[in-house]
Amino acid sequence: MSKRIQISVPHRLPAEDALARVHALGKYFQNRHGMSMRWESERVGHLAGRYLLISIDGRFSVDERAVHLDGQDPGLLLRAKATDYLRGKLETYLDPATPLADLPTA
């Protein structure tokens, strides 16, 4: 069984707003990096693709207090870079100071 990375980013948004922001982030990953983002249910999505040297294969879930990512560990050398990148994107997209319309989707 391959190792996993797990990231949870808390938010202070209504769950529907947080979900809309994760959808926008999924569109960004699709349009900007050619990754595939498919939604398995209303609040659970699966992201797969590559960013630079990092293969990303993970599951997003949105709840009332946080967005969680459970993904394939890219290995010791790339783990910190992948975790920092994904956490940073989630924090940016879940920042209530930035209106949803201002978040990039391409």
PDB file of N, CA and C in Angstrom:
ATOM      1  N   MET A   1       0.843  -1.180   0.000  1.00  0.00           N
ATOM      2  CA  MET A   1       0.000   0.000   0.000  1.00  0.00           C
ATOM      3  C   MET A   1       0.889   1.244   0.000  1.00  0.00           C
ATOM      4  N   SER A   2       0.576   2.210  -0.873  1.00  0.00           N
ATOM      5  CA  SER A   2       1.397   3.407  -0.955  1.00  0.00           C
ATOM      6  C   SER A   2       1.087   4.349   0.201  1.00  0.00           C
ATOM      7  N   LYS A   3       2.072   5.162   0.550  1.00  0.00           N
ATOM      8  CA  LYS A   3       1.894   6.133   1.628  1.00  0.00           C
ATOM      9  C   LYS A   3       0.977   7.254   1.168  1.00  0.00           C
ATOM     10  N   ARG A   4       0.391   7.943   2.141  1.00  0.00           N
ATOM     11  CA  ARG A   4      -0.559   9.014   1.869  1.00  0.00           C
ATOM     12  C   ARG A   4      -0.114  10.293   2.566  1.00  0.00           C
ATOM     13  N   ILE A   5      -0.473  11.417   1.990  1.00  0.00           N
ATOM     14  CA  ILE A   5      -0.335  12.689   2.694  1.00  0.00           C
ATOM     15  C   ILE A   5      -1.751  13.156   3.011  1.00  0.00           C
ATOM     16  N   GLN A   6      -1.893  13.785   4.151  1.00  0.00           N
ATOM     17  CA  GLN A   6      -3.196  14.291   4.554  1.00  0.00           C
ATOM     18  C   GLN A   6      -3.045  15.743   4.983  1.00  0.00           C
ATOM     19  N   ILE A   7      -3.894  16.567   4.409  1.00  0.00           N
ATOM     20  CA  ILE A   7      -3.879  18.000   4.692  1.00  0.00           C
ATOM     21  C   ILE A   7      -5.293  18.400   5.077  1.00  0.00           C
ATOM     22  N   SER A   8      -5.430  19.157   6.135  1.00  0.00           N
ATOM     23  CA  SER A   8      -6.717  19.746   6.506  1.00  0.00           C
ATOM     24  C   SER A   8      -6.508  21.242   6.674  1.00  0.00           C
ATOM     25  N   VAL A   9      -7.328  22.017   5.997  1.00  0.00           N
ATOM     26  CA  VAL A   9      -7.254  23.467   6.084  1.00  0.00           C
ATOM     27  C   VAL A   9      -8.594  23.971   6.628  1.00  0.00           C
ATOM     28  N   PRO A  10      -8.577  24.528   7.839  1.00  0.00           N
ATOM     29  CA  PRO A  10      -9.829  25.026   8.420  1.00  0.00           C
ATOM     30  C   PRO A  10     -10.335  26.257   7.673  1.00  0.00           C
ATOM     31  N   HIS A  11     -11.647  26.458   7.744  1.00  0.00           N
ATOM     32  CA  HIS A  11     -12.247  27.653   7.147  1.00  0.00           C
ATOM     33  C   HIS A  11     -13.335  28.174   8.065  1.00  0.00           C
ATOM     34  N   ARG A  12     -13.685  29.446   7.864  1.00  0.00           N
ATOM     35  CA  ARG A  12     -14.761  30.078   8.632  1.00  0.00           C
ATOM     36  C   ARG A  12     -15.907  30.477   7.701  1.00  0.00           C
ATOM     37  N   LEU A  13     -16.061  29.749   6.639  1.00  0.00           N
ATOM     38  CA  LEU A  13     -17.060  30.054   5.624  1.00  0.00           C
ATOM     39  C   LEU A  13     -18.274  29.140   5.779  1.00  0.00           C
ATOM     40  N   PRO A  14     -19.428  29.580   5.285  1.00  0.00           N
ATOM     41  CA  PRO A  14     -20.526  28.625   5.177  1.00  0.00           C
ATOM     42  C   PRO A  14     -20.066  27.461   4.278  1.00  0.00           C
ATOM     43  N   ALA A  15     -20.520  26.272   4.582  1.00  0.00           N
ATOM     44  CA  ALA A  15     -20.062  25.088   3.841  1.00  0.00           C
ATOM     45  C   ALA A  15     -20.276  25.232   2.334  1.00  0.00           C
ATOM     46  N   GLU A  16     -21.381  25.840   1.934  1.00  0.00           N
ATOM     47  CA  GLU A  16     -21.664  25.989   0.497  1.00  0.00           C
ATOM     48  C   GLU A  16     -20.661  26.935  -0.163  1.00  0.00           C
ATOM     49  N   ASP A  17     -20.239  27.979   0.553  1.00  0.00           N
ATOM     50  CA  ASP A  17     -19.231  28.900   0.024  1.00  0.00           C
ATOM     51  C   ASP A  17     -17.882  28.195  -0.083  1.00  0.00           C
ATOM     52  N   ALA A  18     -17.528  27.433   0.942  1.00  0.00           N
ATOM     53  CA  ALA A  18     -16.270  26.673   0.896  1.00  0.00           C
ATOM     54  C   ALA A  18     -16.288  25.702  -0.275  1.00  0.00           C
ATOM     55  N   LEU A  19     -17.419  25.049  -0.494  1.00  0.00           N
ATOM     56  CA  LEU A  19     -17.542  24.111  -1.601  1.00  0.00           C
ATOM     57  C   LEU A  19     -17.388  24.816  -2.948  1.00  0.00           C
ATOM     58  N   ALA A  20     -18.001  25.978  -3.096  1.00  0.00           N
ATOM     59  CA  ALA A  20     -17.886  26.750  -4.340  1.00  0.00           C
ATOM     60  C   ALA A  20     -16.430  27.132  -4.594  1.00  0.00           C
ATOM     61  N   ARG A  21     -15.701  27.454  -3.542  1.00  0.00           N
ATOM     62  CA  ARG A  21     -14.298  27.821  -3.680  1.00  0.00           C
ATOM     63  C   ARG A  21     -13.434  26.614  -4.057  1.00  0.00           C
ATOM     64  N   VAL A  22     -13.755  25.449  -3.529  1.00  0.00           N
ATOM     65  CA  VAL A  22     -13.008  24.244  -3.917  1.00  0.00           C
ATOM     66  C   VAL A  22     -13.326  23.877  -5.369  1.00  0.00           C
ATOM     67  N   HIS A  23     -14.565  24.109  -5.796  1.00  0.00           N
ATOM     68  CA  HIS A  23     -14.902  23.906  -7.212  1.00  0.00           C
ATOM     69  C   HIS A  23     -14.071  24.853  -8.090  1.00  0.00           C
ATOM     70  N   ALA A  24     -13.939  26.105  -7.664  1.00  0.00           N
ATOM     71  CA  ALA A  24     -13.122  27.069  -8.418  1.00  0.00           C
ATOM     72  C   ALA A  24     -11.669  26.614  -8.460  1.00  0.00           C
ATOM     73  N   LEU A  25     -11.159  26.085  -7.359  1.00  0.00           N
ATOM     74  CA  LEU A  25      -9.791  25.575  -7.328  1.00  0.00           C
ATOM     75  C   LEU A  25      -9.647  24.382  -8.278  1.00  0.00           C
ATOM     76  N   GLY A  26     -10.637  23.524  -8.316  1.00  0.00           N
ATOM     77  CA  GLY A  26     -10.614  22.400  -9.253  1.00  0.00           C
ATOM     78  C   GLY A  26     -10.560  22.874 -10.695  1.00  0.00           C
ATOM     79  N   LYS A  27     -11.331  23.912 -11.017  1.00  0.00           N
ATOM     80  CA  LYS A  27     -11.295  24.477 -12.374  1.00  0.00           C
ATOM     81  C   LYS A  27      -9.922  25.063 -12.668  1.00  0.00           C
ATOM     82  N   TYR A  28      -9.319  25.712 -11.677  1.00  0.00           N
ATOM     83  CA  TYR A  28      -7.969  26.249 -11.842  1.00  0.00           C
ATOM     84  C   TYR A  28      -6.988  25.125 -12.191  1.00  0.00           C
ATOM     85  N   PHE A  29      -7.020  24.044 -11.415  1.00  0.00           N
ATOM     86  CA  PHE A  29      -6.116  22.921 -11.685  1.00  0.00           C
ATOM     87  C   PHE A  29      -6.362  22.337 -13.073  1.00  0.00           C
ATOM     88  N   GLN A  30      -7.616  22.227 -13.486  1.00  0.00           N
ATOM     89  CA  GLN A  30      -7.933  21.699 -14.810  1.00  0.00           C
ATOM     90  C   GLN A  30      -7.420  22.624 -15.909  1.00  0.00           C
ATOM     91  N   ASN A  31      -7.764  23.899 -15.816  1.00  0.00           N
ATOM     92  CA  ASN A  31      -7.431  24.853 -16.871  1.00  0.00           C
ATOM     93  C   ASN A  31      -5.956  25.224 -16.904  1.00  0.00           C
ATOM     94  N   ARG A  32      -5.348  25.364 -15.760  1.00  0.00           N
ATOM     95  CA  ARG A  32      -3.959  25.824 -15.685  1.00  0.00           C
ATOM     96  C   ARG A  32      -2.948  24.691 -15.866  1.00  0.00           C
ATOM     97  N   HIS A  33      -3.253  23.523 -15.281  1.00  0.00           N
ATOM     98  CA  HIS A  33      -2.281  22.431 -15.269  1.00  0.00           C
ATOM     99  C   HIS A  33      -2.750  21.174 -15.994  1.00  0.00           C
ATOM    100  N   GLY A  34      -3.936  21.197 -16.576  1.00  0.00           N
ATOM    101  CA  GLY A  34      -4.439  20.047 -17.320  1.00  0.00           C
ATOM    102  C   GLY A  34      -4.776  18.844 -16.453  1.00  0.00           C
ATOM    103  N   MET A  35      -5.004  19.068 -15.170  1.00  0.00           N
ATOM    104  CA  MET A  35      -5.362  17.965 -14.274  1.00  0.00           C
ATOM    105  C   MET A  35      -6.841  17.649 -14.431  1.00  0.00           C
ATOM    106  N   SER A  36      -7.212  16.456 -14.021  1.00  0.00           N
ATOM    107  CA  SER A  36      -8.631  16.119 -14.049  1.00  0.00           C
ATOM    108  C   SER A  36      -9.196  16.253 -12.639  1.00  0.00           C
ATOM    109  N   MET A  37     -10.356  16.888 -12.557  1.00  0.00           N
ATOM    110  CA  MET A  37     -11.065  17.034 -11.286  1.00  0.00           C
ATOM    111  C   MET A  37     -12.462  16.521 -11.529  1.00  0.00           C
ATOM    112  N   ARG A  38     -12.796  15.441 -10.873  1.00  0.00           N
ATOM    113  CA  ARG A  38     -14.155  14.904 -11.003  1.00  0.00           C
ATOM    114  C   ARG A  38     -14.781  14.841  -9.613  1.00  0.00           C
ATOM    115  N   TRP A  39     -16.058  15.118  -9.584  1.00  0.00           N
ATOM    116  CA  TRP A  39     -16.777  15.134  -8.313  1.00  0.00           C
ATOM    117  C   TRP A  39     -17.479  13.802  -8.125  1.00  0.00           C
ATOM    118  N   GLU A  40     -17.153  13.132  -7.022  1.00  0.00           N
ATOM    119  CA  GLU A  40     -17.709  11.827  -6.699  1.00  0.00           C
ATOM    120  C   GLU A  40     -19.067  11.961  -6.008  1.00  0.00           C
ATOM    121  N   SER A  41     -19.252  13.060  -5.305  1.00  0.00           N
ATOM    122  CA  SER A  41     -20.521  13.366  -4.641  1.00  0.00           C
ATOM    123  C   SER A  41     -20.579  14.875  -4.480  1.00  0.00           C
ATOM    124  N   GLU A  42     -21.574  15.363  -3.779  1.00  0.00           N
ATOM    125  CA  GLU A  42     -21.735  16.813  -3.635  1.00  0.00           C
ATOM    126  C   GLU A  42     -20.525  17.473  -2.985  1.00  0.00           C
ATOM    127  N   ARG A  43     -19.899  16.797  -2.018  1.00  0.00           N
ATOM    128  CA  ARG A  43     -18.795  17.410  -1.273  1.00  0.00           C
ATOM    129  C   ARG A  43     -17.475  16.660  -1.366  1.00  0.00           C
ATOM    130  N   VAL A  44     -17.361  15.728  -2.281  1.00  0.00           N
ATOM    131  CA  VAL A  44     -16.127  14.945  -2.406  1.00  0.00           C
ATOM    132  C   VAL A  44     -15.690  14.941  -3.864  1.00  0.00           C
ATOM    133  N   GLY A  45     -14.435  15.371  -4.092  1.00  0.00           N
ATOM    134  CA  GLY A  45     -13.885  15.403  -5.437  1.00  0.00           C
ATOM    135  C   GLY A  45     -12.551  14.702  -5.507  1.00  0.00           C
ATOM    136  N   HIS A  46     -12.186  14.273  -6.696  1.00  0.00           N
ATOM    137  CA  HIS A  46     -10.921  13.573  -6.911  1.00  0.00           C
ATOM    138  C   HIS A  46     -10.100  14.355  -7.944  1.00  0.00           C
ATOM    139  N   LEU A  47      -8.867  14.677  -7.587  1.00  0.00           N
ATOM    140  CA  LEU A  47      -7.949  15.427  -8.441  1.00  0.00           C
ATOM    141  C   LEU A  47      -6.794  14.515  -8.842  1.00  0.00           C
ATOM    142  N   ALA A  48      -6.474  14.496 -10.133  1.00  0.00           N
ATOM    143  CA  ALA A  48      -5.356  13.685 -10.606  1.00  0.00           C
ATOM    144  C   ALA A  48      -4.633  14.430 -11.725  1.00  0.00           C
ATOM    145  N   GLY A  49      -3.304  14.342 -11.718  1.00  0.00           N
ATOM    146  CA  GLY A  49      -2.492  14.965 -12.756  1.00  0.00           C
ATOM    147  C   GLY A  49      -1.097  15.250 -12.259  1.00  0.00           C
ATOM    148  N   ARG A  50      -0.400  16.111 -13.009  1.00  0.00           N
ATOM    149  CA  ARG A  50       0.977  16.451 -12.655  1.00  0.00           C
ATOM    150  C   ARG A  50       1.139  17.963 -12.589  1.00  0.00           C
ATOM    151  N   TYR A  51       1.961  18.391 -11.625  1.00  0.00           N
ATOM    152  CA  TYR A  51       2.385  19.781 -11.528  1.00  0.00           C
ATOM    153  C   TYR A  51       3.892  19.740 -11.415  1.00  0.00           C
ATOM    154  N   LEU A  52       4.582  20.251 -12.431  1.00  0.00           N
ATOM    155  CA  LEU A  52       6.035  20.153 -12.523  1.00  0.00           C
ATOM    156  C   LEU A  52       6.430  18.681 -12.391  1.00  0.00           C
ATOM    157  N   LEU A  53       7.217  18.321 -11.417  1.00  0.00           N
ATOM    158  CA  LEU A  53       7.644  16.930 -11.248  1.00  0.00           C
ATOM    159  C   LEU A  53       6.746  16.144 -10.310  1.00  0.00           C
ATOM    160  N   ILE A  54       5.720  16.780  -9.792  1.00  0.00           N
ATOM    161  CA  ILE A  54       4.906  16.168  -8.748  1.00  0.00           C
ATOM    162  C   ILE A  54       3.635  15.561  -9.336  1.00  0.00           C
ATOM    163  N   SER A  55       3.450  14.271  -9.133  1.00  0.00           N
ATOM    164  CA  SER A  55       2.193  13.624  -9.494  1.00  0.00           C
ATOM    165  C   SER A  55       1.226  13.840  -8.347  1.00  0.00           C
ATOM    166  N   ILE A  56       0.031  14.295  -8.701  1.00  0.00           N
ATOM    167  CA  ILE A  56      -0.987  14.546  -7.693  1.00  0.00           C
ATOM    168  C   ILE A  56      -2.151  13.601  -7.948  1.00  0.00           C
ATOM    169  N   ASP A  57      -2.516  12.880  -6.933  1.00  0.00           N
ATOM    170  CA  ASP A  57      -3.653  11.970  -6.996  1.00  0.00           C
ATOM    171  C   ASP A  57      -4.296  12.009  -5.618  1.00  0.00           C
ATOM    172  N   GLY A  58      -5.371  12.780  -5.493  1.00  0.00           N
ATOM    173  CA  GLY A  58      -5.929  12.978  -4.164  1.00  0.00           C
ATOM    174  C   GLY A  58      -7.418  13.208  -4.159  1.00  0.00           C
ATOM    175  N   ARG A  59      -7.968  13.111  -2.993  1.00  0.00           N
ATOM    176  CA  ARG A  59      -9.394  13.244  -2.770  1.00  0.00           C
ATOM    177  C   ARG A  59      -9.648  14.438  -1.854  1.00  0.00           C
ATOM    178  N   PHE A  60     -10.454  15.384  -2.343  1.00  0.00           N
ATOM    179  CA  PHE A  60     -10.867  16.536  -1.553  1.00  0.00           C
ATOM    180  C   PHE A  60     -12.208  16.232  -0.911  1.00  0.00           C
ATOM    181  N   SER A  61     -12.372  16.627   0.327  1.00  0.00           N
ATOM    182  CA  SER A  61     -13.695  16.577   0.948  1.00  0.00           C
ATOM    183  C   SER A  61     -13.905  17.879   1.719  1.00  0.00           C
ATOM    184  N   VAL A  62     -15.118  18.368   1.652  1.00  0.00           N
ATOM    185  CA  VAL A  62     -15.467  19.651   2.264  1.00  0.00           C
ATOM    186  C   VAL A  62     -16.483  19.389   3.366  1.00  0.00           C
ATOM    187  N   ASP A  63     -16.196  19.904   4.576  1.00  0.00           N
ATOM    188  CA  ASP A  63     -17.188  19.816   5.646  1.00  0.00           C
ATOM    189  C   ASP A  63     -17.422  21.206   6.231  1.00  0.00           C
ATOM    190  N   GLU A  64     -18.168  21.262   7.295  1.00  0.00           N
ATOM    191  CA  GLU A  64     -18.577  22.543   7.887  1.00  0.00           C
ATOM    192  C   GLU A  64     -17.416  23.378   8.419  1.00  0.00           C
ATOM    193  N   ARG A  65     -16.291  22.751   8.749  1.00  0.00           N
ATOM    194  CA  ARG A  65     -15.189  23.476   9.381  1.00  0.00           C
ATOM    195  C   ARG A  65     -13.863  23.436   8.631  1.00  0.00           C
ATOM    196  N   ALA A  66     -13.712  22.525   7.664  1.00  0.00           N
ATOM    197  CA  ALA A  66     -12.408  22.379   7.002  1.00  0.00           C
ATOM    198  C   ALA A  66     -12.562  21.710   5.643  1.00  0.00           C
ATOM    199  N   VAL A  67     -11.513  21.868   4.847  1.00  0.00           N
ATOM    200  CA  VAL A  67     -11.381  21.111   3.600  1.00  0.00           C
ATOM    201  C   VAL A  67     -10.222  20.151   3.825  1.00  0.00           C
ATOM    202  N   HIS A  68     -10.452  18.904   3.481  1.00  0.00           N
ATOM    203  CA  HIS A  68      -9.465  17.861   3.706  1.00  0.00           C
ATOM    204  C   HIS A  68      -8.985  17.325   2.372  1.00  0.00           C
ATOM    205  N   LEU A  69      -7.709  17.024   2.311  1.00  0.00           N
ATOM    206  CA  LEU A  69      -7.133  16.384   1.137  1.00  0.00           C
ATOM    207  C   LEU A  69      -6.391  15.147   1.608  1.00  0.00           C
ATOM    208  N   ASP A  70      -6.736  14.036   1.026  1.00  0.00           N
ATOM    209  CA  ASP A  70      -6.037  12.780   1.268  1.00  0.00           C
ATOM    210  C   ASP A  70      -5.460  12.379  -0.076  1.00  0.00           C
ATOM    211  N   GLY A  71      -4.117  12.381  -0.181  1.00  0.00           N
ATOM    212  CA  GLY A  71      -3.505  12.136  -1.474  1.00  0.00           C
ATOM    213  C   GLY A  71      -2.317  11.207  -1.414  1.00  0.00           C
ATOM    214  N   GLN A  72      -1.935  10.763  -2.584  1.00  0.00           N
ATOM    215  CA  GLN A  72      -0.773   9.904  -2.719  1.00  0.00           C
ATOM    216  C   GLN A  72       0.481  10.680  -2.343  1.00  0.00           C
ATOM    217  N   ASP A  73       1.324  10.088  -1.541  1.00  0.00           N
ATOM    218  CA  ASP A  73       2.586  10.704  -1.129  1.00  0.00           C
ATOM    219  C   ASP A  73       3.550  10.659  -2.314  1.00  0.00           C
ATOM    220  N   PRO A  74       4.067  11.812  -2.747  1.00  0.00           N
ATOM    221  CA  PRO A  74       4.981  11.821  -3.894  1.00  0.00           C
ATOM    222  C   PRO A  74       6.402  11.372  -3.540  1.00  0.00           C
ATOM    223  N   GLY A  75       6.638  11.030  -2.298  1.00  0.00           N
ATOM    224  CA  GLY A  75       7.964  10.577  -1.881  1.00  0.00           C
ATOM    225  C   GLY A  75       8.669  11.625  -1.040  1.00  0.00           C
ATOM    226  N   LEU A  76       9.686  11.172  -0.370  1.00  0.00           N
ATOM    227  CA  LEU A  76      10.409  12.004   0.581  1.00  0.00           C
ATOM    228  C   LEU A  76      10.934  13.301  -0.029  1.00  0.00           C
ATOM    229  N   LEU A  77      11.493  13.242  -1.224  1.00  0.00           N
ATOM    230  CA  LEU A  77      12.113  14.424  -1.817  1.00  0.00           C
ATOM    231  C   LEU A  77      11.099  15.494  -2.238  1.00  0.00           C
ATOM    232  N   LEU A  78       9.887  15.083  -2.578  1.00  0.00           N
ATOM    233  CA  LEU A  78       8.888  16.038  -3.065  1.00  0.00           C
ATOM    234  C   LEU A  78       7.735  16.264  -2.092  1.00  0.00           C
ATOM    235  N   ARG A  79       7.711  15.549  -0.992  1.00  0.00           N
ATOM    236  CA  ARG A  79       6.595  15.617  -0.037  1.00  0.00           C
ATOM    237  C   ARG A  79       6.361  17.034   0.467  1.00  0.00           C
ATOM    238  N   ALA A  80       7.393  17.688   0.953  1.00  0.00           N
ATOM    239  CA  ALA A  80       7.226  19.034   1.526  1.00  0.00           C
ATOM    240  C   ALA A  80       6.758  20.027   0.460  1.00  0.00           C
ATOM    241  N   LYS A  81       7.334  19.949  -0.733  1.00  0.00           N
ATOM    242  CA  LYS A  81       6.952  20.866  -1.807  1.00  0.00           C
ATOM    243  C   LYS A  81       5.483  20.659  -2.191  1.00  0.00           C
ATOM    244  N   ALA A  82       5.058  19.408  -2.329  1.00  0.00           N
ATOM    245  CA  ALA A  82       3.670  19.104  -2.692  1.00  0.00           C
ATOM    246  C   ALA A  82       2.714  19.562  -1.597  1.00  0.00           C
ATOM    247  N   THR A  83       3.049  19.260  -0.351  1.00  0.00           N
ATOM    248  CA  THR A  83       2.196  19.640   0.770  1.00  0.00           C
ATOM    249  C   THR A  83       2.076  21.155   0.876  1.00  0.00           C
ATOM    250  N   ASP A  84       3.202  21.863   0.774  1.00  0.00           N
ATOM    251  CA  ASP A  84       3.185  23.325   0.853  1.00  0.00           C
ATOM    252  C   ASP A  84       2.366  23.934  -0.289  1.00  0.00           C
ATOM    253  N   TYR A  85       2.539  23.414  -1.505  1.00  0.00           N
ATOM    254  CA  TYR A  85       1.815  23.936  -2.666  1.00  0.00           C
ATOM    255  C   TYR A  85       0.307  23.752  -2.483  1.00  0.00           C
ATOM    256  N   LEU A  86      -0.112  22.538  -2.143  1.00  0.00           N
ATOM    257  CA  LEU A  86      -1.534  22.254  -2.010  1.00  0.00           C
ATOM    258  C   LEU A  86      -2.151  23.001  -0.830  1.00  0.00           C
ATOM    259  N   ARG A  87      -1.447  23.048   0.306  1.00  0.00           N
ATOM    260  CA  ARG A  87      -1.948  23.792   1.464  1.00  0.00           C
ATOM    261  C   ARG A  87      -2.082  25.282   1.103  1.00  0.00           C
ATOM    262  N   GLY A  88      -1.079  25.831   0.428  1.00  0.00           N
ATOM    263  CA  GLY A  88      -1.111  27.238   0.035  1.00  0.00           C
ATOM    264  C   GLY A  88      -2.280  27.550  -0.886  1.00  0.00           C
ATOM    265  N   LYS A  89      -2.537  26.674  -1.845  1.00  0.00           N
ATOM    266  CA  LYS A  89      -3.674  26.888  -2.750  1.00  0.00           C
ATOM    267  C   LYS A  89      -4.991  26.838  -1.979  1.00  0.00           C
ATOM    268  N   LEU A  90      -5.131  25.860  -1.099  1.00  0.00           N
ATOM    269  CA  LEU A  90      -6.353  25.766  -0.307  1.00  0.00           C
ATOM    270  C   LEU A  90      -6.532  27.001   0.574  1.00  0.00           C
ATOM    271  N   GLU A  91      -5.474  27.448   1.234  1.00  0.00           N
ATOM    272  CA  GLU A  91      -5.574  28.632   2.092  1.00  0.00           C
ATOM    273  C   GLU A  91      -5.968  29.864   1.288  1.00  0.00           C
ATOM    274  N   THR A  92      -5.410  30.014   0.094  1.00  0.00           N
ATOM    275  CA  THR A  92      -5.748  31.144  -0.771  1.00  0.00           C
ATOM    276  C   THR A  92      -7.217  31.107  -1.172  1.00  0.00           C
ATOM    277  N   TYR A  93      -7.682  29.943  -1.602  1.00  0.00           N
ATOM    278  CA  TYR A  93      -9.052  29.827  -2.090  1.00  0.00           C
ATOM    279  C   TYR A  93     -10.085  29.869  -0.965  1.00  0.00           C
ATOM    280  N   LEU A  94      -9.689  29.556   0.263  1.00  0.00           N
ATOM    281  CA  LEU A  94     -10.625  29.582   1.397  1.00  0.00           C
ATOM    282  C   LEU A  94     -10.552  30.877   2.198  1.00  0.00           C
ATOM    283  N   ASP A  95      -9.762  31.831   1.733  1.00  0.00           N
ATOM    284  CA  ASP A  95      -9.620  33.107   2.433  1.00  0.00           C
ATOM    285  C   ASP A  95     -10.879  33.949   2.221  1.00  0.00           C
ATOM    286  N   PRO A  96     -11.642  34.206   3.283  1.00  0.00           N
ATOM    287  CA  PRO A  96     -12.883  34.966   3.119  1.00  0.00           C
ATOM    288  C   PRO A  96     -12.654  36.419   2.693  1.00  0.00           C
ATOM    289  N   ALA A  97     -11.441  36.919   2.823  1.00  0.00           N
ATOM    290  CA  ALA A  97     -11.147  38.293   2.401  1.00  0.00           C
ATOM    291  C   ALA A  97     -11.115  38.427   0.877  1.00  0.00           C
ATOM    292  N   THR A  98     -10.970  37.319   0.174  1.00  0.00           N
ATOM    293  CA  THR A  98     -10.940  37.339  -1.282  1.00  0.00           C
ATOM    294  C   THR A  98     -12.298  36.878  -1.805  1.00  0.00           C
ATOM    295  N   PRO A  99     -12.998  37.736  -2.541  1.00  0.00           N
ATOM    296  CA  PRO A  99     -14.282  37.324  -3.100  1.00  0.00           C
ATOM    297  C   PRO A  99     -14.119  36.146  -4.064  1.00  0.00           C
ATOM    298  N   LEU A 100     -15.099  35.267  -4.070  1.00  0.00           N
ATOM    299  CA  LEU A 100     -15.054  34.102  -4.948  1.00  0.00           C
ATOM    300  C   LEU A 100     -14.815  34.502  -6.406  1.00  0.00           C
ATOM    301  N   ALA A 101     -15.429  35.579  -6.848  1.00  0.00           N
ATOM    302  CA  ALA A 101     -15.293  36.028  -8.246  1.00  0.00           C
ATOM    303  C   ALA A 101     -13.855  36.435  -8.567  1.00  0.00           C
ATOM    304  N   ASP A 102     -13.056  36.771  -7.564  1.00  0.00           N
ATOM    305  CA  ASP A 102     -11.680  37.195  -7.808  1.00  0.00           C
ATOM    306  C   ASP A 102     -10.677  36.039  -7.826  1.00  0.00           C
ATOM    307  N   LEU A 103     -11.123  34.830  -7.517  1.00  0.00           N
ATOM    308  CA  LEU A 103     -10.216  33.692  -7.512  1.00  0.00           C
ATOM    309  C   LEU A 103     -10.007  33.180  -8.939  1.00  0.00           C
ATOM    310  N   PRO A 104      -8.764  32.935  -9.323  1.00  0.00           N
ATOM    311  CA  PRO A 104      -8.499  32.492 -10.696  1.00  0.00           C
ATOM    312  C   PRO A 104      -9.025  31.086 -10.956  1.00  0.00           C
ATOM    313  N   THR A 105      -9.560  30.889 -12.164  1.00  0.00           N
ATOM    314  CA  THR A 105      -9.975  29.560 -12.592  1.00  0.00           C
ATOM    315  C   THR A 105      -9.252  29.145 -13.869  1.00  0.00           C
ATOM    316  N   ALA A 106      -8.284  29.956 -14.276  1.00  0.00           N
ATOM    317  CA  ALA A 106      -7.497  29.622 -15.475  1.00  0.00           C
ATOM    318  C   ALA A 106      -6.074  30.095 -15.295  1.00  0.00           C
TER     319      ALA A 106
END
